[in-house]
Amino acid sequence: MPDWSIKIVRSKQPGVLAEFVGDVPGAKPGSFDVQQGDLVSWNNTTGEAHWPWPLASKTAAPAIPLPPGSPVLVSGSVQPTTSSDDYNVGAATGTTVWYCCRIHPNERACLVVVPFGQSSADTPSV
């Protein structure tokens, strides 16, 4: 399965310090298509630490500590100009894995688990 990098970049949105953007040409902040079994890491290009943290839904507050059974996206904060360890996507096809920055909860994005060869535009999310 592929390995993906998601860049943590300075945001142009007022009140949001950083955004999560797939490290592929033309990627837009906020959503990235992955497949079950893919490896995802976060590359922090900012001057502040960030910590991708799973959420129960798009608008949920970060639960600290994580509830049992929640995915652990990274083992700790991603320091400036470094990359995280890998997250192995274990969620089923059709699942959306919502996450925010544990340190800055208004920084939000998601991983959309899609079937091989399809995009999230082709697959309804759960």
N, C-alpha and C. Protein backbone atom coordinates (compact mmCIF):
# COMPACT_ATOMS: atom_id res chain seq x y z
N MET A 1 0.84 -1.18 0.00
CA MET A 1 0.00 0.00 0.00
C MET A 1 0.89 1.25 0.00
N PRO A 2 0.35 2.36 -0.45
CA PRO A 2 1.14 3.59 -0.53
C PRO A 2 1.46 4.20 0.84
N ASP A 3 2.50 5.00 0.85
CA ASP A 3 2.85 5.84 1.99
C ASP A 3 2.48 7.26 1.61
N TRP A 4 1.83 7.98 2.52
CA TRP A 4 1.39 9.35 2.25
C TRP A 4 1.97 10.30 3.29
N SER A 5 2.30 11.49 2.85
CA SER A 5 2.72 12.56 3.74
C SER A 5 1.66 13.64 3.70
N ILE A 6 1.28 14.09 4.88
CA ILE A 6 0.37 15.24 4.98
C ILE A 6 1.18 16.37 5.59
N LYS A 7 1.27 17.47 4.86
CA LYS A 7 2.03 18.62 5.34
C LYS A 7 1.18 19.43 6.31
N ILE A 8 1.82 19.88 7.36
CA ILE A 8 1.21 20.85 8.27
C ILE A 8 1.82 22.19 7.86
N VAL A 9 0.95 23.07 7.33
CA VAL A 9 1.41 24.34 6.76
C VAL A 9 0.72 25.50 7.45
N ARG A 10 1.33 26.65 7.39
CA ARG A 10 0.69 27.87 7.93
C ARG A 10 -0.63 28.10 7.22
N SER A 11 -1.62 28.49 7.98
CA SER A 11 -2.95 28.73 7.42
C SER A 11 -3.10 30.18 6.98
N LYS A 12 -3.93 30.36 5.97
CA LYS A 12 -4.30 31.71 5.53
C LYS A 12 -5.65 32.10 6.11
N GLN A 13 -6.28 31.17 6.84
CA GLN A 13 -7.59 31.44 7.46
C GLN A 13 -7.38 32.22 8.76
N PRO A 14 -8.17 33.27 8.98
CA PRO A 14 -8.06 34.01 10.24
C PRO A 14 -8.39 33.10 11.43
N GLY A 15 -7.59 33.18 12.48
CA GLY A 15 -7.84 32.42 13.70
C GLY A 15 -7.41 30.97 13.65
N VAL A 16 -6.83 30.53 12.54
CA VAL A 16 -6.35 29.16 12.41
C VAL A 16 -4.84 29.23 12.14
N LEU A 17 -4.06 28.62 13.02
CA LEU A 17 -2.61 28.69 12.92
C LEU A 17 -2.05 27.88 11.76
N ALA A 18 -2.61 26.67 11.56
CA ALA A 18 -2.07 25.78 10.52
C ALA A 18 -3.18 24.96 9.88
N GLU A 19 -2.86 24.37 8.73
CA GLU A 19 -3.78 23.49 8.02
C GLU A 19 -3.05 22.21 7.65
N PHE A 20 -3.83 21.16 7.40
CA PHE A 20 -3.30 19.87 6.98
C PHE A 20 -3.55 19.72 5.48
N VAL A 21 -2.49 19.52 4.70
CA VAL A 21 -2.59 19.45 3.24
C VAL A 21 -1.82 18.23 2.74
N GLY A 22 -2.47 17.41 1.93
CA GLY A 22 -1.79 16.26 1.33
C GLY A 22 -0.58 16.72 0.54
N ASP A 23 0.52 16.02 0.69
CA ASP A 23 1.78 16.40 0.02
C ASP A 23 1.80 15.82 -1.39
N VAL A 24 0.81 16.23 -2.19
CA VAL A 24 0.71 15.86 -3.60
C VAL A 24 0.31 17.11 -4.37
N PRO A 25 0.68 17.20 -5.65
CA PRO A 25 0.34 18.39 -6.43
C PRO A 25 -1.17 18.66 -6.45
N GLY A 26 -1.53 19.90 -6.23
CA GLY A 26 -2.93 20.31 -6.32
C GLY A 26 -3.79 19.99 -5.12
N ALA A 27 -3.21 19.42 -4.06
CA ALA A 27 -4.01 19.07 -2.87
C ALA A 27 -4.55 20.30 -2.19
N LYS A 28 -5.77 20.18 -1.70
CA LYS A 28 -6.41 21.26 -0.95
C LYS A 28 -6.43 20.87 0.53
N PRO A 29 -6.41 21.85 1.42
CA PRO A 29 -6.43 21.54 2.85
C PRO A 29 -7.73 20.85 3.26
N GLY A 30 -7.62 20.00 4.27
CA GLY A 30 -8.82 19.49 4.93
C GLY A 30 -9.17 18.04 4.72
N SER A 31 -8.94 17.48 3.55
CA SER A 31 -9.37 16.10 3.30
C SER A 31 -8.35 15.40 2.42
N PHE A 32 -8.13 14.10 2.72
CA PHE A 32 -7.17 13.35 1.93
C PHE A 32 -7.67 11.92 1.79
N ASP A 33 -7.68 11.41 0.58
CA ASP A 33 -8.12 10.04 0.32
C ASP A 33 -6.99 9.05 0.61
N VAL A 34 -7.33 7.98 1.34
CA VAL A 34 -6.39 6.90 1.65
C VAL A 34 -7.12 5.58 1.47
N GLN A 35 -6.36 4.50 1.51
CA GLN A 35 -6.94 3.16 1.45
C GLN A 35 -6.56 2.42 2.72
N GLN A 36 -7.36 1.42 3.08
CA GLN A 36 -7.04 0.61 4.23
C GLN A 36 -5.66 0.00 4.02
N GLY A 37 -4.80 0.08 5.04
CA GLY A 37 -3.45 -0.44 4.96
C GLY A 37 -2.40 0.59 4.55
N ASP A 38 -2.82 1.77 4.08
CA ASP A 38 -1.86 2.82 3.75
C ASP A 38 -1.15 3.31 5.00
N LEU A 39 0.03 3.86 4.81
CA LEU A 39 0.77 4.50 5.90
C LEU A 39 0.73 6.00 5.69
N VAL A 40 0.37 6.73 6.74
CA VAL A 40 0.26 8.19 6.67
C VAL A 40 1.17 8.79 7.73
N SER A 41 1.93 9.83 7.34
CA SER A 41 2.71 10.58 8.31
C SER A 41 2.43 12.06 8.10
N TRP A 42 2.72 12.85 9.11
CA TRP A 42 2.50 14.29 9.07
C TRP A 42 3.85 14.99 9.11
N ASN A 43 4.07 15.92 8.16
CA ASN A 43 5.31 16.66 8.01
C ASN A 43 5.05 18.10 8.44
N ASN A 44 5.60 18.49 9.57
CA ASN A 44 5.36 19.82 10.13
C ASN A 44 6.31 20.84 9.51
N THR A 45 5.78 21.70 8.65
CA THR A 45 6.60 22.73 8.00
C THR A 45 6.49 24.08 8.71
N THR A 46 5.84 24.11 9.88
CA THR A 46 5.65 25.37 10.61
C THR A 46 6.69 25.50 11.72
N GLY A 47 6.64 26.60 12.42
CA GLY A 47 7.55 26.86 13.53
C GLY A 47 6.97 26.46 14.88
N GLU A 48 5.79 25.83 14.91
CA GLU A 48 5.14 25.42 16.15
C GLU A 48 4.90 23.91 16.14
N ALA A 49 4.81 23.32 17.31
CA ALA A 49 4.47 21.90 17.42
C ALA A 49 2.98 21.71 17.11
N HIS A 50 2.63 20.57 16.51
CA HIS A 50 1.24 20.19 16.22
C HIS A 50 1.09 18.71 16.53
N TRP A 51 -0.15 18.27 16.82
CA TRP A 51 -0.36 16.89 17.24
C TRP A 51 -1.66 16.38 16.64
N PRO A 52 -1.61 15.69 15.49
CA PRO A 52 -2.83 15.12 14.91
C PRO A 52 -3.51 14.18 15.91
N TRP A 53 -4.79 14.45 16.19
CA TRP A 53 -5.53 13.76 17.25
C TRP A 53 -6.89 13.34 16.72
N PRO A 54 -7.25 12.06 16.82
CA PRO A 54 -8.53 11.60 16.26
C PRO A 54 -9.74 12.19 16.98
N LEU A 55 -10.81 12.36 16.23
CA LEU A 55 -12.07 12.89 16.76
C LEU A 55 -13.20 11.90 16.51
N ALA A 56 -14.23 11.98 17.31
CA ALA A 56 -15.41 11.12 17.13
C ALA A 56 -16.25 11.56 15.93
N SER A 57 -16.16 12.86 15.57
CA SER A 57 -16.92 13.39 14.43
C SER A 57 -16.27 14.69 13.99
N LYS A 58 -16.79 15.25 12.92
CA LYS A 58 -16.23 16.49 12.35
C LYS A 58 -16.19 17.63 13.36
N THR A 59 -17.21 17.75 14.20
CA THR A 59 -17.32 18.88 15.12
C THR A 59 -17.01 18.53 16.57
N ALA A 60 -16.63 17.29 16.84
CA ALA A 60 -16.38 16.86 18.22
C ALA A 60 -15.16 17.56 18.81
N ALA A 61 -15.20 17.71 20.11
CA ALA A 61 -14.03 18.20 20.84
C ALA A 61 -13.05 17.04 21.00
N PRO A 62 -11.75 17.32 21.07
CA PRO A 62 -10.80 16.24 21.27
C PRO A 62 -10.99 15.60 22.65
N ALA A 63 -11.10 14.29 22.70
CA ALA A 63 -11.23 13.56 23.96
C ALA A 63 -9.84 13.21 24.47
N ILE A 64 -9.53 13.70 25.67
CA ILE A 64 -8.22 13.45 26.27
C ILE A 64 -8.46 12.86 27.65
N PRO A 65 -8.03 11.63 27.91
CA PRO A 65 -7.30 10.73 27.03
C PRO A 65 -8.22 10.16 25.95
N LEU A 66 -7.62 9.49 24.98
CA LEU A 66 -8.40 8.87 23.92
C LEU A 66 -9.29 7.77 24.50
N PRO A 67 -10.54 7.68 24.02
CA PRO A 67 -11.39 6.57 24.45
C PRO A 67 -10.82 5.23 23.96
N PRO A 68 -11.07 4.15 24.71
CA PRO A 68 -10.60 2.84 24.26
C PRO A 68 -11.07 2.54 22.83
N GLY A 69 -10.18 1.98 22.04
CA GLY A 69 -10.51 1.61 20.67
C GLY A 69 -10.29 2.72 19.66
N SER A 70 -9.97 3.94 20.11
CA SER A 70 -9.70 5.04 19.18
C SER A 70 -8.36 4.82 18.49
N PRO A 71 -8.25 5.23 17.22
CA PRO A 71 -6.95 5.09 16.56
C PRO A 71 -5.95 6.07 17.16
N VAL A 72 -4.71 5.67 17.23
CA VAL A 72 -3.63 6.56 17.64
C VAL A 72 -2.93 6.98 16.35
N LEU A 73 -3.10 8.25 15.99
CA LEU A 73 -2.54 8.71 14.72
C LEU A 73 -1.03 8.88 14.78
N VAL A 74 -0.53 9.48 15.84
CA VAL A 74 0.91 9.65 16.05
C VAL A 74 1.20 9.49 17.54
N SER A 75 2.44 9.19 17.87
CA SER A 75 2.79 8.89 19.26
C SER A 75 3.00 10.13 20.13
N GLY A 76 3.09 11.29 19.52
CA GLY A 76 3.30 12.53 20.27
C GLY A 76 3.24 13.71 19.33
N SER A 77 3.52 14.88 19.87
CA SER A 77 3.46 16.07 19.03
C SER A 77 4.54 16.02 17.96
N VAL A 78 4.23 16.64 16.82
CA VAL A 78 5.17 16.72 15.71
C VAL A 78 5.86 18.08 15.83
N GLN A 79 7.13 18.03 16.15
CA GLN A 79 7.88 19.25 16.39
C GLN A 79 8.14 20.00 15.07
N PRO A 80 8.45 21.30 15.16
CA PRO A 80 8.71 22.09 13.95
C PRO A 80 9.77 21.44 13.07
N THR A 81 9.53 21.49 11.78
CA THR A 81 10.42 20.99 10.73
C THR A 81 10.78 19.51 10.87
N THR A 82 9.88 18.72 11.45
CA THR A 82 10.09 17.27 11.55
C THR A 82 8.84 16.55 11.06
N SER A 83 8.97 15.24 10.91
CA SER A 83 7.84 14.40 10.51
C SER A 83 7.46 13.46 11.64
N SER A 84 6.22 13.01 11.62
CA SER A 84 5.72 12.08 12.63
C SER A 84 6.10 10.66 12.28
N ASP A 85 5.81 9.76 13.21
CA ASP A 85 5.85 8.35 12.91
C ASP A 85 4.66 8.03 12.00
N ASP A 86 4.58 6.81 11.48
CA ASP A 86 3.52 6.43 10.55
C ASP A 86 2.26 5.97 11.27
N TYR A 87 1.12 6.32 10.69
CA TYR A 87 -0.17 5.80 11.11
C TYR A 87 -0.60 4.80 10.03
N ASN A 88 -0.86 3.55 10.43
CA ASN A 88 -1.33 2.53 9.50
C ASN A 88 -2.85 2.60 9.48
N VAL A 89 -3.43 2.95 8.34
CA VAL A 89 -4.88 3.12 8.22
C VAL A 89 -5.55 1.76 8.40
N GLY A 90 -6.28 1.61 9.50
CA GLY A 90 -6.97 0.36 9.79
C GLY A 90 -8.46 0.44 9.59
N ALA A 91 -8.97 1.64 9.35
CA ALA A 91 -10.42 1.84 9.20
C ALA A 91 -10.91 1.21 7.89
N ALA A 92 -12.15 0.79 7.92
CA ALA A 92 -12.76 0.15 6.75
C ALA A 92 -13.06 1.17 5.65
N THR A 93 -13.11 0.68 4.42
CA THR A 93 -13.51 1.50 3.28
C THR A 93 -14.86 2.15 3.58
N GLY A 94 -14.98 3.43 3.24
CA GLY A 94 -16.21 4.17 3.50
C GLY A 94 -16.18 4.95 4.80
N THR A 95 -15.12 4.77 5.58
CA THR A 95 -14.99 5.47 6.86
C THR A 95 -14.27 6.80 6.66
N THR A 96 -14.67 7.80 7.43
CA THR A 96 -13.94 9.07 7.48
C THR A 96 -13.31 9.16 8.86
N VAL A 97 -12.00 9.33 8.88
CA VAL A 97 -11.26 9.49 10.14
C VAL A 97 -11.04 10.99 10.33
N TRP A 98 -11.86 11.58 11.21
CA TRP A 98 -11.74 13.02 11.50
C TRP A 98 -10.62 13.22 12.51
N TYR A 99 -9.89 14.31 12.37
CA TYR A 99 -8.85 14.62 13.36
C TYR A 99 -8.65 16.14 13.45
N CYS A 100 -8.04 16.54 14.55
CA CYS A 100 -7.67 17.93 14.76
C CYS A 100 -6.27 17.95 15.35
N CYS A 101 -5.77 19.13 15.60
CA CYS A 101 -4.52 19.27 16.34
C CYS A 101 -4.89 19.29 17.82
N ARG A 102 -4.31 18.40 18.60
CA ARG A 102 -4.61 18.36 20.04
C ARG A 102 -4.23 19.68 20.70
N ILE A 103 -3.19 20.33 20.23
CA ILE A 103 -2.71 21.59 20.81
C ILE A 103 -3.55 22.77 20.33
N HIS A 104 -4.00 22.74 19.08
CA HIS A 104 -4.79 23.82 18.46
C HIS A 104 -6.04 23.19 17.84
N PRO A 105 -7.09 22.92 18.64
CA PRO A 105 -8.24 22.14 18.16
C PRO A 105 -9.02 22.72 16.98
N ASN A 106 -8.81 23.99 16.65
CA ASN A 106 -9.52 24.54 15.49
C ASN A 106 -8.84 24.15 14.17
N GLU A 107 -7.69 23.49 14.22
CA GLU A 107 -7.05 22.95 13.02
C GLU A 107 -7.62 21.55 12.79
N ARG A 108 -8.41 21.38 11.73
CA ARG A 108 -9.14 20.13 11.51
C ARG A 108 -9.00 19.62 10.09
N ALA A 109 -9.08 18.31 9.96
CA ALA A 109 -9.01 17.66 8.65
C ALA A 109 -9.55 16.24 8.78
N CYS A 110 -9.49 15.50 7.68
CA CYS A 110 -9.94 14.11 7.73
C CYS A 110 -9.20 13.27 6.70
N LEU A 111 -9.19 11.97 6.99
CA LEU A 111 -8.73 10.95 6.05
C LEU A 111 -9.97 10.21 5.61
N VAL A 112 -10.21 10.10 4.32
CA VAL A 112 -11.37 9.40 3.78
C VAL A 112 -10.86 8.08 3.21
N VAL A 113 -11.35 6.97 3.78
CA VAL A 113 -10.88 5.65 3.36
C VAL A 113 -11.72 5.21 2.16
N VAL A 114 -11.06 5.10 1.01
CA VAL A 114 -11.74 4.81 -0.25
C VAL A 114 -11.28 3.47 -0.81
N PRO A 115 -12.10 2.86 -1.69
CA PRO A 115 -11.66 1.63 -2.35
C PRO A 115 -10.50 1.93 -3.30
N PHE A 116 -9.71 0.91 -3.58
CA PHE A 116 -8.59 1.05 -4.50
C PHE A 116 -9.07 1.64 -5.83
N GLY A 117 -8.38 2.66 -6.31
CA GLY A 117 -8.69 3.25 -7.61
C GLY A 117 -9.82 4.25 -7.61
N GLN A 118 -10.41 4.55 -6.45
CA GLN A 118 -11.50 5.52 -6.40
C GLN A 118 -11.11 6.71 -5.55
N SER A 119 -11.92 7.76 -5.62
CA SER A 119 -11.72 8.93 -4.80
C SER A 119 -12.92 9.12 -3.88
N SER A 120 -12.80 10.02 -2.93
CA SER A 120 -13.90 10.27 -2.00
C SER A 120 -15.13 10.82 -2.74
N ALA A 121 -14.95 11.39 -3.91
CA ALA A 121 -16.08 11.87 -4.70
C ALA A 121 -16.93 10.69 -5.19
N ASP A 122 -16.33 9.49 -5.25
CA ASP A 122 -17.03 8.30 -5.72
C ASP A 122 -17.60 7.46 -4.58
N THR A 123 -17.19 7.74 -3.32
CA THR A 123 -17.51 6.86 -2.20
C THR A 123 -18.25 7.62 -1.11
N PRO A 124 -19.44 7.17 -0.70
CA PRO A 124 -20.10 7.83 0.43
C PRO A 124 -19.34 7.55 1.71
N SER A 125 -19.31 8.52 2.63
CA SER A 125 -18.60 8.31 3.90
C SER A 125 -19.57 7.87 4.99
N VAL A 126 -18.99 7.23 6.00
CA VAL A 126 -19.77 6.71 7.13
C VAL A 126 -19.49 7.57 8.34
